[in-house]
Amino acid sequence: MPQPNFQGMSTKELRAYVLSHRDDEEAFYVYVDKLNAEGKFGGNATIRIC
């Protein structure tokens, strides 16, 4: 199965993907990187994805 284009997903789409594919570490790290780029994640905060 081909890997989804995480870079092409919006933050909202990527969050939904991460929540439904909790074992996909690559998707999780792309999501956190995207939050950092948007200034929505300070690095010291706890991310709640449940």
Protein backbone atom coordinates (compact mmCIF):
# COMPACT_ATOMS: atom_id res chain seq x y z
CA MET A 1 0.00 0.00 0.00
CA PRO A 2 1.47 3.42 -0.92
CA GLN A 3 2.42 5.81 1.87
CA PRO A 4 0.12 8.87 2.22
CA ASN A 5 1.53 12.28 1.32
CA PHE A 6 1.88 13.70 4.83
CA GLN A 7 3.46 16.94 3.60
CA GLY A 8 0.41 17.60 1.42
CA MET A 9 -2.05 17.14 4.29
CA SER A 10 -3.41 19.99 6.34
CA THR A 11 -2.73 19.98 10.07
CA LYS A 12 -6.32 18.89 10.68
CA GLU A 13 -6.08 16.03 8.16
CA LEU A 14 -2.73 14.92 9.55
CA ARG A 15 -4.05 14.95 13.12
CA ALA A 16 -6.97 12.75 12.06
CA TYR A 17 -4.57 10.37 10.32
CA VAL A 18 -2.28 10.17 13.37
CA LEU A 19 -5.25 9.46 15.64
CA SER A 20 -6.42 6.61 13.43
CA HIS A 21 -2.89 5.22 12.82
CA ARG A 22 -1.30 5.53 16.25
CA ASP A 23 1.55 3.17 15.37
CA ASP A 24 2.74 5.31 12.43
CA GLU A 25 5.73 7.13 13.92
CA GLU A 26 6.61 8.91 10.67
CA ALA A 27 3.16 10.50 10.52
CA PHE A 28 3.43 11.55 14.16
CA TYR A 29 6.80 13.25 13.63
CA VAL A 30 5.58 15.04 10.50
CA TYR A 31 2.57 16.23 12.52
CA VAL A 32 4.77 17.59 15.32
CA ASP A 33 7.08 19.24 12.77
CA LYS A 34 4.07 20.88 11.13
CA LEU A 35 2.83 22.15 14.52
CA ASN A 36 6.31 23.58 15.21
CA ALA A 37 6.39 25.28 11.82
CA GLU A 38 2.99 26.85 12.49
CA GLY A 39 4.08 27.98 15.96
CA LYS A 40 1.41 25.83 17.61
CA PHE A 41 3.81 23.62 19.56
CA GLY A 42 6.41 25.02 21.91
CA GLY A 43 8.28 21.78 22.47
CA ASN A 44 7.78 21.84 26.23
CA ALA A 45 4.06 21.17 26.05
CA THR A 46 2.45 17.76 26.29
CA ILE A 47 0.67 16.67 23.15
CA ARG A 48 -2.66 15.02 23.80
CA ILE A 49 -3.67 12.87 20.83
CA CYS A 50 -6.24 10.67 22.47
